[in-house]
């Protein structure tokens, strides 16, 4: 049927308030009293929309590299992904250690001149600048491919300095390169909300004259996971939007990763959908979403034309499809 889920907050807001500007969307996201799966600043929201980097920012990323290791000279580590609204800018100062011999049983195939992330003592990854590769062996079993290698290299040490900023605005005031409009291309006309290769065609958005809305051609289409099941139906977006409108945050906090909840936790005694039955207006919108979603799927599977689809909706035949869908 479709339950509300915290992963669908952005999709639900774009459905509930179509045509919102980026700033308006950020204000609505910020007003939600939840920390999990929610952008904490404007740059994280732009990342959640998967906006492209601007040519000027890509040029900065290219030159912001140590000439010996090609590692970044500075890194705004909390800006792009974190659960905090604060930002840390890390300025790196690299030095190269003495030449040593290394053995590795994981990671990429080592090559001379590259910086290799070596899984060293105490379970810590250390960057190693490879000087010479002695041997590389690949083997495969039921768990995958293993790469065993031996090489000589030098550990890369980092005497980093950290600056703390209360917000992206404060960070950009000192380092303008991190101004959101400098980092991202806000003229992008369409995109998707989530980077997953399974979901990126389901939660697509369009932008017209600065306003963002869901692309319903994608949302109402059949998207399946590896188990050949619809991942998140349109009804889940509607249920999430209603939960946000009512302020029923428990329904969102309860939810899972959206793909197969029954495999990870027991059903909630009070179902996450029960709040809809207590609000007549919300329940009517949810029922309409059921009709739209399943009639759209049936029409797509039956290869209906637009005229046939309209006749089908007006004929009342959809009721049989809803009953067959085990709703």
Protein backbone atom coordinates (compact mmCIF):
# COMPACT_ATOMS: atom_id res chain seq x y z
CA UNK A 1 0.00 0.00 0.00
CA UNK A 2 2.73 2.44 0.88
CA UNK A 3 3.94 3.67 4.26
CA UNK A 4 5.53 7.00 5.20
CA UNK A 5 9.32 6.96 5.43
CA UNK A 6 11.93 9.49 6.51
CA UNK A 7 13.92 8.86 3.32
CA UNK A 8 11.04 10.38 1.34
CA UNK A 9 10.96 13.77 3.07
CA UNK A 10 12.29 15.69 0.06
CA UNK A 11 10.10 13.84 -2.43
CA UNK A 12 7.07 14.44 -0.19
CA UNK A 13 7.80 18.17 0.10
CA UNK A 14 8.15 18.52 -3.67
CA UNK A 15 4.82 16.72 -4.06
CA UNK A 16 3.06 18.74 -1.37
CA UNK A 17 4.42 22.12 -2.47
CA UNK A 18 5.20 21.97 -6.22
CA UNK A 19 7.08 24.86 -7.77
CA UNK A 20 9.04 25.76 -4.63
CA UNK A 21 12.23 27.74 -4.95
CA UNK A 22 15.44 26.26 -3.59
CA UNK A 23 15.38 28.62 -0.58
CA UNK A 24 11.74 27.77 0.17
CA UNK A 25 12.51 24.06 -0.01
CA UNK A 26 15.42 24.51 2.38
CA UNK A 27 13.20 26.45 4.82
CA UNK A 28 10.63 23.65 4.81
CA UNK A 29 13.32 21.00 5.32
CA UNK A 30 14.85 23.00 8.18
CA UNK A 31 11.46 23.27 9.91
CA UNK A 32 11.14 19.49 10.23
CA UNK A 33 12.23 18.46 13.77
CA UNK A 34 14.26 15.45 12.66
CA UNK A 35 18.01 14.96 12.21
CA UNK A 36 18.14 11.65 10.36
CA UNK A 37 18.17 11.59 6.56
CA UNK A 38 17.69 15.35 6.34
CA UNK A 39 19.99 17.93 4.70
CA UNK A 40 21.50 20.16 7.38
CA UNK A 41 22.65 23.03 5.15
CA UNK A 42 22.16 24.44 1.65
CA UNK A 43 25.08 22.52 0.15
CA UNK A 44 23.76 19.21 1.50
CA UNK A 45 20.33 20.01 0.00
CA UNK A 46 21.95 20.73 -3.36
CA UNK A 47 23.74 17.38 -3.08
CA UNK A 48 20.45 15.67 -2.24
CA UNK A 49 19.05 17.16 -5.46
CA UNK A 50 22.18 15.90 -7.23
CA UNK A 51 22.90 19.27 -8.78
CA UNK A 52 25.97 19.38 -11.01
CA UNK A 53 29.15 21.14 -9.94
CA UNK A 54 29.91 24.39 -11.74
CA UNK A 55 32.95 24.60 -14.06
CA UNK A 56 34.58 27.07 -11.64
CA UNK A 57 34.25 24.67 -8.71
CA UNK A 58 35.56 21.74 -10.77
CA UNK A 59 38.53 23.90 -11.74
CA UNK A 60 39.14 24.65 -8.05
CA UNK A 61 39.00 20.94 -7.19
CA UNK A 62 41.57 20.26 -9.89
CA UNK A 63 44.15 22.77 -8.59
CA UNK A 64 43.38 22.16 -4.89
CA UNK A 65 45.76 19.18 -4.88
CA UNK A 66 49.13 18.45 -3.38
CA UNK A 67 51.53 18.09 -6.36
CA UNK A 68 53.25 14.99 -4.94
CA UNK A 69 50.32 12.95 -3.57
CA UNK A 70 47.42 14.52 -5.51
CA UNK A 71 45.49 14.55 -2.23
CA UNK A 72 43.29 17.61 -1.49
CA UNK A 73 45.01 20.58 0.14
CA UNK A 74 41.79 21.60 1.88
CA UNK A 75 38.56 19.78 2.52
CA UNK A 76 35.22 21.06 3.82
CA UNK A 77 34.50 17.67 5.36
CA UNK A 78 31.19 18.42 7.09
CA UNK A 79 29.67 20.50 4.33
CA UNK A 80 28.71 17.78 1.88
CA UNK A 81 27.60 14.98 4.22
CA UNK A 82 26.95 15.15 7.96
CA UNK A 83 24.15 15.23 10.52
CA UNK A 84 25.27 18.58 11.91
CA UNK A 85 24.68 22.07 10.58
CA UNK A 86 28.20 23.12 11.59
CA UNK A 87 31.07 22.97 9.10
CA UNK A 88 34.75 22.10 9.45
CA UNK A 89 37.35 23.19 6.96
CA UNK A 90 40.44 20.98 7.15
CA UNK A 91 43.68 22.39 5.72
CA UNK A 92 46.16 19.60 5.06
CA UNK A 93 49.95 19.71 5.32
CA UNK A 94 51.45 16.50 3.93
CA UNK A 95 54.87 14.95 4.52
CA UNK A 96 56.32 11.73 3.12
CA UNK A 97 57.80 9.06 5.42
CA UNK A 98 60.64 6.63 4.89
CA UNK A 99 60.59 3.86 2.31
CA UNK A 100 59.01 0.60 3.61
CA UNK A 101 57.72 -2.75 2.38
CA UNK A 102 53.95 -3.38 2.50
CA UNK A 103 51.58 -6.31 2.05
CA UNK A 104 47.91 -5.80 1.28
CA UNK A 105 44.94 -8.13 0.86
CA UNK A 106 42.28 -5.65 -0.13
CA UNK A 107 41.61 -2.50 -2.10
CA UNK A 108 42.52 -1.57 -5.65
CA UNK A 109 45.34 -2.95 -7.74
CA UNK A 110 48.40 -0.91 -6.69
CA UNK A 111 50.31 1.06 -9.30
CA UNK A 112 53.57 2.94 -9.09
CA UNK A 113 53.14 6.62 -8.29
CA UNK A 114 49.61 6.29 -6.92
CA UNK A 115 48.49 6.95 -3.35
CA UNK A 116 47.15 3.63 -2.05
CA UNK A 117 44.87 3.37 0.99
CA UNK A 118 46.62 0.67 2.97
CA UNK A 119 44.68 -1.10 5.72
CA UNK A 120 47.30 -1.06 8.44
CA UNK A 121 47.62 -1.87 12.11
CA UNK A 122 44.69 -1.26 14.46
CA UNK A 123 42.27 -1.32 11.55
CA UNK A 124 43.22 2.16 10.29
CA UNK A 125 43.54 3.09 6.63
CA UNK A 126 46.76 4.94 5.87
CA UNK A 127 47.66 6.59 2.55
CA UNK A 128 50.86 5.17 1.06
CA UNK A 129 52.70 6.63 -1.93
CA UNK A 130 53.74 3.57 -3.94
CA UNK A 131 57.30 3.44 -5.27
CA UNK A 132 57.49 -0.06 -6.74
CA UNK A 133 55.04 -2.99 -7.01
CA UNK A 134 56.57 -6.43 -6.40
CA UNK A 135 53.59 -8.71 -7.01
CA UNK A 136 49.82 -8.71 -7.52
CA UNK A 137 47.65 -11.84 -7.20
CA UNK A 138 43.91 -12.05 -7.74
CA UNK A 139 41.71 -14.86 -6.43
CA UNK A 140 37.98 -15.37 -6.33
CA UNK A 141 35.63 -17.24 -4.01
CA UNK A 142 31.97 -17.06 -2.99
CA UNK A 143 32.55 -13.75 -1.20
CA UNK A 144 34.08 -12.02 -4.22
CA UNK A 145 37.47 -11.15 -5.69
CA UNK A 146 40.53 -10.78 -3.46
CA UNK A 147 43.61 -8.82 -4.46
CA UNK A 148 46.84 -9.68 -2.65
CA UNK A 149 49.79 -7.45 -3.35
CA UNK A 150 53.30 -6.58 -2.20
CA UNK A 151 54.92 -3.23 -2.83
CA UNK A 152 57.40 -0.67 -1.55
CA UNK A 153 56.17 2.76 -0.63
CA UNK A 154 56.18 5.71 1.77
CA UNK A 155 53.45 6.56 4.28
CA UNK A 156 51.83 9.96 3.80
CA UNK A 157 51.56 11.91 7.06
CA UNK A 158 49.16 14.79 7.51
CA UNK A 159 49.57 17.66 9.99
CA UNK A 160 46.07 19.04 9.45
CA UNK A 161 44.59 22.23 10.86
CA UNK A 162 40.84 22.52 11.47
CA UNK A 163 38.62 25.60 11.38
CA UNK A 164 35.07 25.37 12.74
CA UNK A 165 32.19 27.39 11.30
CA UNK A 166 28.64 27.65 12.60
CA UNK A 167 27.06 27.53 9.14
CA UNK A 168 27.72 27.38 5.41
CA UNK A 169 27.08 31.13 5.27
CA UNK A 170 29.89 31.73 7.78
CA UNK A 171 32.21 29.37 5.87
CA UNK A 172 31.46 31.06 2.53
CA UNK A 173 32.07 34.51 4.02
CA UNK A 174 35.72 33.56 4.58
CA UNK A 175 36.07 31.10 1.68
CA UNK A 176 33.76 32.26 -1.18
CA UNK A 177 34.48 29.11 -3.19
CA UNK A 178 32.03 27.29 -0.85
CA UNK A 179 29.16 29.66 -1.62
CA UNK A 180 26.37 27.28 -2.81
CA UNK A 181 25.82 29.24 -6.04
CA UNK A 182 29.55 28.94 -6.77
CA UNK A 183 29.64 25.20 -6.07
CA UNK A 184 26.47 24.09 -7.87
CA UNK A 185 24.71 24.79 -11.15
CA UNK A 186 21.28 26.05 -10.13
CA UNK A 187 20.20 26.40 -13.76
CA UNK A 188 19.95 22.59 -14.03
CA UNK A 189 16.49 21.83 -15.45
CA UNK A 190 16.04 18.26 -14.18
CA UNK A 191 17.67 15.63 -12.03
CA UNK A 192 16.99 13.05 -9.35
CA UNK A 193 16.82 13.05 -5.58
CA UNK A 194 18.80 9.98 -4.59
CA UNK A 195 22.08 8.65 -5.97
CA UNK A 196 21.04 4.98 -5.83
CA UNK A 197 21.07 3.39 -9.31
CA UNK A 198 17.80 1.65 -8.39
CA UNK A 199 15.94 4.76 -7.28
CA UNK A 200 17.35 7.52 -9.45
CA UNK A 201 14.73 7.02 -12.16
CA UNK A 202 11.85 6.96 -9.69
CA UNK A 203 12.40 10.19 -7.78
CA UNK A 204 13.17 12.62 -10.55
CA UNK A 205 12.46 16.35 -10.39
CA UNK A 206 12.06 19.15 -12.87
CA UNK A 207 12.91 22.83 -12.42
CA UNK A 208 10.97 25.55 -14.19
CA UNK A 209 11.72 29.25 -13.61
CA UNK A 210 13.47 28.50 -10.33
CA UNK A 211 10.72 26.24 -8.95
CA UNK A 212 11.27 22.54 -8.18
CA UNK A 213 8.58 19.86 -8.61
CA UNK A 214 8.42 16.08 -8.87
CA UNK A 215 8.50 14.53 -12.32
CA UNK A 216 5.36 12.42 -12.08
CA UNK A 217 6.15 10.55 -15.28
CA UNK A 218 8.92 8.87 -13.28
CA UNK A 219 7.20 8.72 -9.89
CA UNK A 220 4.15 6.87 -11.19
CA UNK A 221 6.20 4.38 -13.20
CA UNK A 222 7.06 0.86 -12.04
CA UNK A 223 10.50 0.78 -10.37
CA UNK A 224 11.70 -2.53 -8.97
CA UNK A 225 14.48 -3.70 -6.69
CA UNK A 226 16.48 -6.93 -7.01
CA UNK A 227 13.58 -8.93 -5.61
CA UNK A 228 11.37 -7.56 -8.43
CA UNK A 229 9.22 -5.60 -6.03
CA UNK A 230 8.21 -1.95 -6.29
CA UNK A 231 10.60 -0.08 -4.01
CA UNK A 232 8.61 2.97 -2.92
CA UNK A 233 5.19 3.44 -4.51
CA UNK A 234 3.66 6.85 -5.10
CA UNK A 235 1.40 6.20 -2.13
CA UNK A 236 4.44 6.29 0.18
CA UNK A 237 5.23 9.82 -0.98
CA UNK A 238 1.65 10.91 -0.30
CA UNK A 239 1.62 9.22 3.12
CA UNK A 240 4.92 10.94 4.00
CA UNK A 241 3.55 14.31 2.86
CA UNK A 242 0.49 13.86 5.06
CA UNK A 243 2.64 12.84 8.03
CA UNK A 244 4.66 16.04 7.59
CA UNK A 245 1.49 18.16 7.31
CA UNK A 246 0.03 16.69 10.48
CA UNK A 247 3.36 16.58 12.33
CA UNK A 248 3.19 12.83 12.88
CA UNK A 249 6.95 12.39 13.18
CA UNK A 250 6.70 8.97 14.85
CA UNK A 251 5.52 7.50 11.55
CA UNK A 252 8.68 8.73 9.81
CA UNK A 253 11.11 7.79 12.58
CA UNK A 254 9.72 4.25 12.66
CA UNK A 255 10.32 3.57 9.03
CA UNK A 256 13.09 1.55 7.47
CA UNK A 257 15.39 1.84 4.49
CA UNK A 258 12.43 1.61 2.16
CA UNK A 259 13.30 -1.59 0.32
CA UNK A 260 12.38 -4.56 2.48
CA UNK A 261 11.24 -3.61 5.96
CA UNK A 262 9.88 -7.04 6.84
CA UNK A 263 13.40 -8.49 6.64
CA UNK A 264 14.84 -6.03 9.16
CA UNK A 265 12.29 -5.37 11.90
CA UNK A 266 8.94 -6.54 13.19
CA UNK A 267 5.81 -4.61 12.19
CA UNK A 268 4.85 -1.75 14.48
CA UNK A 269 1.81 -2.70 16.61
CA UNK A 270 0.28 0.64 15.64
CA UNK A 271 0.87 0.70 11.92
CA UNK A 272 2.65 3.68 10.45
CA UNK A 273 -0.41 4.21 8.23
CA UNK A 274 -2.97 4.39 11.07
CA UNK A 275 -2.72 8.18 11.47
CA UNK A 276 -4.35 8.59 8.05
CA UNK A 277 -7.57 7.00 9.29
CA UNK A 278 -7.79 9.66 11.99
CA UNK A 279 -7.71 12.53 9.49
CA UNK A 280 -10.44 12.50 6.85
CA UNK A 281 -8.77 14.95 4.44
CA UNK A 282 -5.45 13.07 4.58
CA UNK A 283 -7.16 9.74 4.07
CA UNK A 284 -9.03 11.03 0.99
CA UNK A 285 -5.74 12.21 -0.56
CA UNK A 286 -4.15 8.85 0.23
CA UNK A 287 -7.03 6.94 -1.40
CA UNK A 288 -6.72 9.14 -4.50
CA UNK A 289 -2.99 8.32 -4.59
CA UNK A 290 -3.82 4.60 -4.51
CA UNK A 291 -6.09 5.07 -7.49
CA UNK A 292 -3.54 7.13 -9.44
CA UNK A 293 -0.62 4.81 -8.73
CA UNK A 294 -2.25 1.48 -9.51
CA UNK A 295 -4.20 2.73 -12.52
CA UNK A 296 -0.95 4.18 -13.91
CA UNK A 297 0.88 0.87 -13.42
CA UNK A 298 -1.97 -1.09 -15.02
CA UNK A 299 -2.10 1.28 -17.99
CA UNK A 300 1.67 1.02 -18.52
CA UNK A 301 1.63 -2.77 -18.35
CA UNK A 302 -1.34 -2.89 -20.76
CA UNK A 303 0.35 -0.43 -23.19
CA UNK A 304 -2.71 1.84 -23.16
CA UNK A 305 -2.91 5.01 -25.19
CA UNK A 306 -3.95 8.26 -23.48
CA UNK A 307 -7.50 7.90 -24.80
CA UNK A 308 -7.73 4.28 -23.62
CA UNK A 309 -6.42 5.32 -20.20
CA UNK A 310 -9.07 8.04 -19.84
CA UNK A 311 -11.82 5.61 -20.83
CA UNK A 312 -10.44 3.09 -18.38
CA UNK A 313 -10.49 5.59 -15.51
CA UNK A 314 -14.02 6.75 -16.32
CA UNK A 315 -15.35 3.21 -16.71
CA UNK A 316 -14.76 2.24 -13.08
CA UNK A 317 -12.72 -0.84 -14.07
CA UNK A 318 -9.91 0.31 -11.80
CA UNK A 319 -11.70 -1.14 -8.79
CA UNK A 320 -10.90 -4.64 -9.97
CA UNK A 321 -7.26 -3.76 -10.37
CA UNK A 322 -7.14 -2.38 -6.82
CA UNK A 323 -8.64 -5.58 -5.45
CA UNK A 324 -6.13 -7.72 -7.39
CA UNK A 325 -3.23 -5.64 -6.04
CA UNK A 326 -3.76 -7.01 -2.50
CA UNK A 327 -4.00 -3.58 -1.00
